[in-house]
C-alpha atoms as a PDB file:
ATOM      1  CA  MET A   1      -0.029   0.170  -0.019  1.00  0.00           C
ATOM      2  CA  ARG A   2       1.198   3.279  -1.107  1.00  0.00           C
ATOM      3  CA  ARG A   3       2.019   6.029   1.578  1.00  0.00           C
ATOM      4  CA  ALA A   4      -0.950   8.368   0.481  1.00  0.00           C
ATOM      5  CA  GLU A   5      -3.353   5.538   0.606  1.00  0.00           C
ATOM      6  CA  PHE A   6      -2.031   4.450   4.073  1.00  0.00           C
ATOM      7  CA  GLU A   7      -2.337   7.811   5.211  1.00  0.00           C
ATOM      8  CA  ARG A   8      -6.088   8.133   3.792  1.00  0.00           C
ATOM      9  CA  VAL A   9      -6.777   4.863   5.927  1.00  0.00           C
ATOM     10  CA  VAL A  10      -5.250   6.271   8.849  1.00  0.00           C
ATOM     11  CA  GLU A  11      -7.375   9.549   8.475  1.00  0.00           C
ATOM     12  CA  GLU A  12     -11.001   7.093   8.109  1.00  0.00           C
ATOM     13  CA  ALA A  13     -10.029   5.277  11.189  1.00  0.00           C
ATOM     14  CA  ILE A  14      -9.525   8.912  13.048  1.00  0.00           C
ATOM     15  CA  ALA A  15     -12.948   9.540  11.550  1.00  0.00           C
ATOM     16  CA  SER A  16     -14.800   6.438  12.413  1.00  0.00           C
ATOM     17  CA  LEU A  17     -14.014   7.466  15.999  1.00  0.00           C
ATOM     18  CA  PRO A  18     -17.261   7.976  18.119  1.00  0.00           C
ATOM     19  CA  ALA A  19     -17.978  11.941  18.525  1.00  0.00           C
ATOM     20  CA  TRP A  20     -16.995  11.960  22.217  1.00  0.00           C
ATOM     21  CA  ALA A  21     -13.581  10.596  21.528  1.00  0.00           C
ATOM     22  CA  LYS A  22     -13.176  13.161  18.650  1.00  0.00           C
ATOM     23  CA  GLU A  23     -14.102  16.224  20.575  1.00  0.00           C
ATOM     24  CA  ARG A  24     -11.556  15.056  23.495  1.00  0.00           C
ATOM     25  CA  ILE A  25      -8.676  14.562  21.075  1.00  0.00           C
ATOM     26  CA  ARG A  26      -7.989  17.977  20.204  1.00  0.00           C
ATOM     27  CA  ASN A  27      -4.492  19.160  20.675  1.00  0.00           C
ATOM     28  CA  VAL A  28      -3.045  15.749  19.300  1.00  0.00           C
ATOM     29  CA  ALA A  29      -0.951  15.464  16.126  1.00  0.00           C
ATOM     30  CA  ILE A  30      -1.339  12.451  14.404  1.00  0.00           C
ATOM     31  CA  ARG A  31       0.898  11.597  11.652  1.00  0.00           C
ATOM     32  CA  VAL A  32       2.347   8.602   9.803  1.00  0.00           C
ATOM     33  CA  GLU A  33       5.991   7.571   9.641  1.00  0.00           C
ATOM     34  CA  ASP A  34       7.827   4.580   7.686  1.00  0.00           C
ATOM     35  CA  TRP A  35       9.644   3.234  10.602  1.00  0.00           C
ATOM     36  CA  PRO A  36       9.688   3.190  14.139  1.00  0.00           C
ATOM     37  CA  PRO A  37      12.827   3.647  16.596  1.00  0.00           C
ATOM     38  CA  ALA A  38      15.336   1.316  15.983  1.00  0.00           C
ATOM     39  CA  GLY A  39      14.660  -2.477  17.592  1.00  0.00           C
ATOM     40  CA  SER A  40      11.319  -1.370  19.085  1.00  0.00           C
ATOM     41  CA  GLY A  41       9.066  -3.171  16.852  1.00  0.00           C
ATOM     42  CA  LEU A  42       6.446  -0.706  17.210  1.00  0.00           C
ATOM     43  CA  LEU A  43       3.238  -0.391  15.417  1.00  0.00           C
ATOM     44  CA  GLY A  44       2.268   2.845  16.908  1.00  0.00           C
ATOM     45  CA  LEU A  45       3.221   5.105  19.381  1.00  0.00           C
ATOM     46  CA  TYR A  46       1.894   8.076  21.698  1.00  0.00           C
ATOM     47  CA  GLN A  47       3.991  10.751  23.335  1.00  0.00           C
ATOM     48  CA  GLY A  48       2.474  13.119  25.681  1.00  0.00           C
ATOM     49  CA  THR A  49       0.856  13.834  28.634  1.00  0.00           C
ATOM     50  CA  PRO A  50      -2.515  11.442  29.167  1.00  0.00           C
ATOM     51  CA  ARG A  51      -5.373  13.129  29.632  1.00  0.00           C
ATOM     52  CA  PRO A  52      -6.139  11.959  33.667  1.00  0.00           C
ATOM     53  CA  ASP A  53      -2.440  13.384  34.262  1.00  0.00           C
ATOM     54  CA  ARG A  54      -3.042  16.738  33.533  1.00  0.00           C
ATOM     55  CA  ALA A  55      -3.196  19.555  36.035  1.00  0.00           C
ATOM     56  CA  GLY A  56      -4.886  22.402  34.453  1.00  0.00           C
ATOM     57  CA  GLY A  57      -5.859  21.683  30.671  1.00  0.00           C
ATOM     58  CA  ASP A  58      -3.884  20.610  27.565  1.00  0.00           C
ATOM     59  CA  PRO A  59      -0.367  21.275  27.236  1.00  0.00           C
ATOM     60  CA  ILE A  60       0.886  24.251  24.940  1.00  0.00           C
ATOM     61  CA  GLU A  61       2.626  21.267  22.956  1.00  0.00           C
ATOM     62  CA  PRO A  62       0.346  18.761  21.212  1.00  0.00           C
ATOM     63  CA  ASP A  63       0.503  15.385  22.062  1.00  0.00           C
ATOM     64  CA  ARG A  64       1.732  13.200  19.353  1.00  0.00           C
ATOM     65  CA  ILE A  65       0.521   9.844  17.973  1.00  0.00           C
ATOM     66  CA  THR A  66       2.680   8.176  15.283  1.00  0.00           C
ATOM     67  CA  VAL A  67       1.454   5.181  12.998  1.00  0.00           C
ATOM     68  CA  TYR A  68       4.314   3.332  11.851  1.00  0.00           C
ATOM     69  CA  ARG A  69       3.390   2.203   7.938  1.00  0.00           C
ATOM     70  CA  VAL A  70       6.230  -0.454   7.185  1.00  0.00           C
ATOM     71  CA  PRO A  71       5.647  -2.985  10.533  1.00  0.00           C
ATOM     72  CA  ILE A  72       1.818  -2.685   9.891  1.00  0.00           C
ATOM     73  CA  LEU A  73       2.108  -3.740   6.303  1.00  0.00           C
ATOM     74  CA  ARG A  74       4.669  -6.364   7.204  1.00  0.00           C
ATOM     75  CA  ALA A  75       2.043  -7.467   9.980  1.00  0.00           C
ATOM     76  CA  ALA A  76      -0.801  -7.881   8.118  1.00  0.00           C
ATOM     77  CA  ASP A  77      -2.187  -9.949   5.296  1.00  0.00           C
ATOM     78  CA  GLY A  78      -3.845  -8.232   2.442  1.00  0.00           C
ATOM     79  CA  VAL A  79      -5.849  -4.813   2.192  1.00  0.00           C
ATOM     80  CA  ASP A  80      -8.382  -5.421   4.676  1.00  0.00           C
ATOM     81  CA  ASP A  81      -5.853  -6.763   7.138  1.00  0.00           C
ATOM     82  CA  VAL A  82      -3.964  -3.515   6.703  1.00  0.00           C
ATOM     83  CA  ARG A  83      -7.151  -1.658   7.448  1.00  0.00           C
ATOM     84  CA  GLU A  84      -7.922  -3.356  10.283  1.00  0.00           C
ATOM     85  CA  GLU A  85      -4.466  -3.108  11.591  1.00  0.00           C
ATOM     86  CA  ILE A  86      -4.520   0.498  11.254  1.00  0.00           C
ATOM     87  CA  ARG A  87      -7.863   0.921  13.031  1.00  0.00           C
ATOM     88  CA  ILE A  88      -6.398  -1.046  16.215  1.00  0.00           C
ATOM     89  CA  THR A  89      -3.206   1.017  16.297  1.00  0.00           C
ATOM     90  CA  VAL A  90      -5.034   3.948  15.927  1.00  0.00           C
ATOM     91  CA  LEU A  91      -7.622   3.205  18.747  1.00  0.00           C
ATOM     92  CA  HIS A  92      -4.707   1.484  20.968  1.00  0.00           C
ATOM     93  CA  GLU A  93      -2.596   4.612  20.675  1.00  0.00           C
ATOM     94  CA  ILE A  94      -5.635   7.161  21.600  1.00  0.00           C
ATOM     95  CA  ALA A  95      -6.168   4.913  24.468  1.00  0.00           C
ATOM     96  CA  HIS A  96      -2.949   6.077  25.967  1.00  0.00           C
ATOM     97  CA  HIS A  97      -3.877   9.568  25.396  1.00  0.00           C
ATOM     98  CA  PHE A  98      -7.290   8.890  27.836  1.00  0.00           C
ATOM     99  CA  GLY A  99      -5.091   7.580  30.303  1.00  0.00           C
ATOM    100  CA  ILE A 100      -5.624   3.410  29.294  1.00  0.00           C
ATOM    101  CA  SER A 101      -2.881   1.311  30.137  1.00  0.00           C
ATOM    102  CA  GLU A 102      -1.177  -1.323  28.088  1.00  0.00           C
ATOM    103  CA  GLU A 103      -2.427  -4.407  30.490  1.00  0.00           C
ATOM    104  CA  ARG A 104      -5.888  -2.749  30.348  1.00  0.00           C
ATOM    105  CA  LEU A 105      -5.568  -2.745  26.531  1.00  0.00           C
ATOM    106  CA  ARG A 106      -4.575  -6.164  26.347  1.00  0.00           C
ATOM    107  CA  ASP A 107      -7.556  -7.359  28.346  1.00  0.00           C
ATOM    108  CA  LEU A 108      -9.626  -5.595  26.029  1.00  0.00           C
ATOM    109  CA  GLY A 109      -7.922  -7.129  23.228  1.00  0.00           C
ATOM    110  CA  TYR A 110      -6.243  -4.193  21.850  1.00  0.00           C
ATOM    111  CA  GLY A 111      -2.353  -5.163  22.927  1.00  0.00           C
END
């Protein structure tokens, strides 16, 4: 899958979020990069301060969610699987923005 199509699928995953989630992910930059940090094996990464840990509103700098294209393409079998892996990765990283832990995400089937 070419990068432009991959980015479009990421945008579709964000657009499919429930309204309450979309309203609360302001000040979050979501981007696509080809590769994660060396040796990490990540499909996505949340960087920022989870909402429950904030004292006094949003930080000046936006939180960041990065979706890594090449590892997702390698992990998936076919276009439908790529779309599902992107959806799960976006949900997983947005969940971190809301303060949901890795352990809880695994319990919910998103780990």
